Amino acid sequence: MDRILGVILAGGNSRRFGSDKAFANLGGQSLIARTIARARPQVDQVVLAVGRDPKPYAGLGLELILDPSDGTDPVQQGPLAGILAGLAYGETRGFAHVVSFACDTPFFPSNLVSTLVNALPGRETDCVVAAHNGESHRIFCLWRVACRARLETAFAGGLRKMEYVAEALDLAHAEFPTSDEAPLGDPFFNINSPEDLVKAEHYLNNANALFKV
């Protein structure tokens, strides 16, 4: 397998959370720090795609890439803007594949990338999407850099929602099992609200208690 670039998407507006959830504290670490630590061992390089002011992310030790801009609010462009920024970055630096990660899903599998790679069925497939219990988790994807031009064309034509990417690209899916290492057994448990953060903290407290002597 060729080198793989990891792109963490942090361009959302955290509307339901009420503040920038990337820096929300979970068990003594920010969500973005947890995501970086979990992604780094799985790929050859990690970058952070930000759709707004990059200054809050400057101290994280990652190269920051900005979403492509057409003059509109970057948040309105959605996660595909960050993915396209990652594909462009990867192409200029010789990466054949990009894996996208959400910054609000800190329990994603430690074998995410290897499982996505193993599910890549052939060179005609553009993207492998992670799934759990039959539900697609479309931010967690393995992308062929070669699909960038077609995705850019679709984006320029108005494509914004991840569920419609299949109209532009050839997709496959990789199913992930229920996990004891995630709240509610869901390896893609994401934190959209303060209530979700409470659930995640409760899970961590219980999990840590199991290992106390």
Protein backbone atom coordinates (compact mmCIF):
# COMPACT_ATOMS: atom_id res chain seq x y z
CA MET A 1 0.00 0.00 0.00
CA ASP A 2 1.23 3.50 -0.86
CA ARG A 3 1.69 6.19 1.76
CA ILE A 4 -1.52 7.40 3.40
CA LEU A 5 -2.30 10.95 4.49
CA GLY A 6 -4.66 11.48 7.42
CA VAL A 7 -6.88 14.58 7.33
CA ILE A 8 -8.71 15.58 10.51
CA LEU A 9 -11.75 17.73 9.71
CA ALA A 10 -12.24 20.61 12.13
CA GLY A 11 -14.19 23.11 10.06
CA GLY A 12 -17.64 22.74 11.64
CA ASN A 13 -19.44 25.40 13.61
CA SER A 14 -20.38 23.23 16.65
CA ARG A 15 -23.86 24.76 16.64
CA ARG A 16 -25.44 22.10 18.84
CA PHE A 17 -22.50 22.04 21.22
CA GLY A 18 -22.45 25.77 21.91
CA SER A 19 -18.68 26.25 21.65
CA ASP A 20 -15.81 24.82 19.61
CA LYS A 21 -16.16 21.17 20.55
CA ALA A 22 -12.74 20.33 19.14
CA PHE A 23 -11.33 21.75 22.38
CA ALA A 24 -13.94 20.26 24.72
CA ASN A 25 -12.34 18.36 27.60
CA LEU A 26 -12.87 14.62 27.81
CA GLY A 27 -10.98 12.78 30.52
CA GLY A 28 -8.33 15.48 30.78
CA GLN A 29 -7.71 15.80 27.02
CA SER A 30 -9.36 17.84 24.32
CA LEU A 31 -11.32 15.98 21.66
CA ILE A 32 -8.93 17.18 18.98
CA ALA A 33 -5.91 15.94 20.96
CA ARG A 34 -7.54 12.53 21.37
CA THR A 35 -8.28 12.39 17.66
CA ILE A 36 -4.71 13.29 16.72
CA ALA A 37 -3.27 10.67 19.09
CA ARG A 38 -5.56 7.96 17.70
CA ALA A 39 -4.99 8.87 14.05
CA ARG A 40 -1.22 9.33 14.07
CA PRO A 41 -0.16 5.67 14.42
CA GLN A 42 -2.47 4.66 11.57
CA VAL A 43 -1.17 6.92 8.77
CA ASP A 44 2.09 8.32 7.47
CA GLN A 45 1.25 11.97 8.12
CA VAL A 46 -1.63 13.88 9.74
CA VAL A 47 -2.84 17.35 8.76
CA LEU A 48 -5.71 19.41 10.10
CA ALA A 49 -8.31 20.87 7.74
CA VAL A 50 -9.87 24.04 9.16
CA GLY A 51 -12.62 26.03 7.52
CA ARG A 52 -12.23 29.21 9.53
CA ASP A 53 -9.64 31.11 11.58
CA PRO A 54 -6.70 28.71 11.94
CA LYS A 55 -5.15 30.49 14.94
CA PRO A 56 -6.83 28.35 17.66
CA TYR A 57 -5.24 25.25 16.12
CA ALA A 58 -1.73 26.65 15.75
CA GLY A 59 -0.35 24.98 18.89
CA LEU A 60 -1.34 21.42 18.00
CA GLY A 61 1.84 20.58 16.13
CA LEU A 62 0.14 19.80 12.82
CA GLU A 63 0.26 21.47 9.45
CA LEU A 64 -3.00 23.34 8.88
CA ILE A 65 -4.77 23.38 5.53
CA LEU A 66 -7.63 25.69 4.63
CA ASP A 67 -10.81 24.67 2.84
CA PRO A 68 -11.08 25.87 -0.76
CA SER A 69 -12.94 29.18 -0.77
CA ASP A 70 -15.49 30.48 -3.23
CA GLY A 71 -16.22 33.54 -1.13
CA THR A 72 -19.00 31.91 0.90
CA ASP A 73 -18.96 31.00 4.58
CA PRO A 74 -16.57 28.00 4.86
CA VAL A 75 -18.91 26.29 7.33
CA GLN A 76 -21.66 26.27 4.70
CA GLN A 77 -19.41 24.29 2.36
CA GLY A 78 -19.53 21.29 4.68
CA PRO A 79 -16.99 18.52 5.26
CA LEU A 80 -16.42 17.92 1.56
CA ALA A 81 -14.51 21.20 1.42
CA GLY A 82 -12.03 19.89 3.97
CA ILE A 83 -11.78 16.56 2.18
CA LEU A 84 -11.03 18.33 -1.10
CA ALA A 85 -8.37 20.40 0.66
CA GLY A 86 -6.85 17.16 1.94
CA LEU A 87 -6.93 15.53 -1.48
CA ALA A 88 -5.24 18.56 -3.02
CA TYR A 89 -2.57 18.54 -0.32
CA GLY A 90 -2.05 14.81 -0.72
CA GLU A 91 -1.75 15.03 -4.49
CA THR A 92 0.95 17.70 -4.39
CA ARG A 93 2.97 15.63 -1.91
CA GLY A 94 2.76 12.27 -3.63
CA PHE A 95 0.16 10.51 -1.47
CA ALA A 96 -2.03 8.03 -3.31
CA HIS A 97 -4.67 7.81 -0.55
CA VAL A 98 -6.23 10.06 2.06
CA VAL A 99 -8.17 8.99 5.13
CA SER A 100 -10.57 11.55 6.62
CA PHE A 101 -11.28 11.68 10.37
CA ALA A 102 -13.91 13.58 12.36
CA CYS A 103 -12.60 15.59 15.32
CA ASP A 104 -15.66 14.84 17.50
CA THR A 105 -15.54 11.03 17.41
CA PRO A 106 -12.71 10.15 19.80
CA PHE A 107 -13.36 6.40 20.12
CA PHE A 108 -12.95 5.50 16.45
CA PRO A 109 -11.22 2.12 15.94
CA SER A 110 -7.47 1.85 16.29
CA ASN A 111 -7.55 -0.39 13.21
CA LEU A 112 -9.72 2.00 11.21
CA VAL A 113 -7.25 2.63 8.41
CA SER A 114 -6.08 -0.96 7.98
CA THR A 115 -9.70 -2.15 7.84
CA LEU A 116 -10.59 0.47 5.22
CA VAL A 117 -7.54 -0.50 3.17
CA ASN A 118 -8.42 -4.19 3.32
CA ALA A 119 -11.94 -3.38 2.13
CA LEU A 120 -10.69 -1.57 -0.97
CA PRO A 121 -11.90 -4.01 -3.63
CA GLY A 122 -10.23 -2.75 -6.77
CA ARG A 123 -8.71 0.17 -8.61
CA GLU A 124 -12.12 1.27 -9.89
CA THR A 125 -13.27 2.07 -6.35
CA ASP A 126 -12.79 5.70 -5.35
CA CYS A 127 -13.70 5.63 -1.68
CA VAL A 128 -14.30 3.17 1.19
CA VAL A 129 -16.79 4.33 3.82
CA ALA A 130 -16.79 3.10 7.43
CA ALA A 131 -20.04 1.54 8.69
CA HIS A 132 -21.38 0.14 11.95
CA ASN A 133 -24.60 -1.86 12.33
CA GLY A 134 -25.43 -1.02 8.74
CA GLU A 135 -25.13 2.74 9.27
CA SER A 136 -22.59 4.63 7.17
CA HIS A 137 -20.19 6.99 8.95
CA ARG A 138 -19.27 9.05 5.93
CA ILE A 139 -16.61 11.27 7.47
CA PHE A 140 -14.45 8.20 8.16
CA CYS A 141 -13.40 7.30 4.62
CA LEU A 142 -10.44 6.14 2.61
CA TRP A 143 -10.18 8.21 -0.58
CA ARG A 144 -8.12 7.63 -3.69
CA VAL A 145 -6.37 10.89 -4.51
CA ALA A 146 -7.11 10.11 -8.17
CA CYS A 147 -10.81 10.85 -7.57
CA ARG A 148 -10.09 14.48 -6.71
CA ALA A 149 -10.96 15.97 -10.12
CA ARG A 150 -14.37 14.26 -10.28
CA LEU A 151 -15.18 15.24 -6.71
CA GLU A 152 -14.15 18.83 -7.41
CA THR A 153 -16.44 18.90 -10.45
CA ALA A 154 -19.34 17.61 -8.38
CA PHE A 155 -18.55 20.13 -5.62
CA ALA A 156 -18.48 22.98 -8.12
CA GLY A 157 -21.87 21.76 -9.33
CA GLY A 158 -23.35 22.12 -5.85
CA LEU A 159 -22.62 18.78 -4.14
CA ARG A 160 -22.30 19.41 -0.40
CA LYS A 161 -23.91 16.51 1.46
CA MET A 162 -21.84 13.40 2.10
CA GLU A 163 -24.76 11.06 1.46
CA TYR A 164 -24.78 12.12 -2.19
CA VAL A 165 -21.10 11.42 -2.88
CA ALA A 166 -22.14 8.08 -4.40
CA GLU A 167 -23.67 10.04 -7.27
CA ALA A 168 -20.20 11.23 -8.25
CA LEU A 169 -17.87 8.41 -7.14
CA ASP A 170 -17.73 4.63 -6.92
CA LEU A 171 -18.00 3.65 -3.23
CA ALA A 172 -17.45 0.56 -1.10
CA HIS A 173 -18.13 0.03 2.62
CA ALA A 174 -16.19 -1.50 5.51
CA GLU A 175 -18.28 -2.80 8.42
CA PHE A 176 -16.89 -2.35 11.94
CA PRO A 177 -18.12 -4.47 14.86
CA THR A 178 -19.57 -3.30 18.14
CA SER A 179 -16.73 -2.34 20.50
CA ASP A 180 -16.23 -2.63 24.25
CA GLU A 181 -13.89 0.35 23.91
CA ALA A 182 -16.58 2.91 23.08
CA PRO A 183 -19.75 4.30 24.68
CA LEU A 184 -22.84 2.18 23.95
CA GLY A 185 -20.56 -0.16 22.02
CA ASP A 186 -20.52 2.31 19.11
CA PRO A 187 -16.98 2.88 17.79
CA PHE A 188 -18.28 5.95 15.95
CA PHE A 189 -20.01 7.54 18.93
CA ASN A 190 -19.76 11.24 18.17
CA ILE A 191 -20.09 14.21 20.46
CA ASN A 192 -22.59 16.69 19.07
CA SER A 193 -23.94 18.11 22.32
CA PRO A 194 -22.93 18.65 25.95
CA GLU A 195 -25.13 15.65 26.80
CA ASP A 196 -23.04 13.46 24.50
CA LEU A 197 -19.90 14.66 26.27
CA VAL A 198 -21.41 13.66 29.62
CA LYS A 199 -22.13 10.17 28.25
CA ALA A 200 -18.56 9.86 26.99
CA GLU A 201 -17.14 11.01 30.32
CA HIS A 202 -19.36 8.52 32.15
CA TYR A 203 -18.09 5.73 29.89
CA LEU A 204 -14.45 6.70 30.53
CA ASN A 205 -14.96 6.85 34.29
CA ASN A 206 -16.52 3.37 34.31
CA ALA A 207 -13.86 1.96 32.00
CA ASN A 208 -11.05 3.38 34.16
CA ALA A 209 -12.64 1.94 37.30
CA LEU A 210 -12.37 -1.56 35.84
CA PHE A 211 -8.58 -1.31 35.82
CA LYS A 212 -8.08 0.16 39.27
CA VAL A 213 -6.39 -2.18 41.76
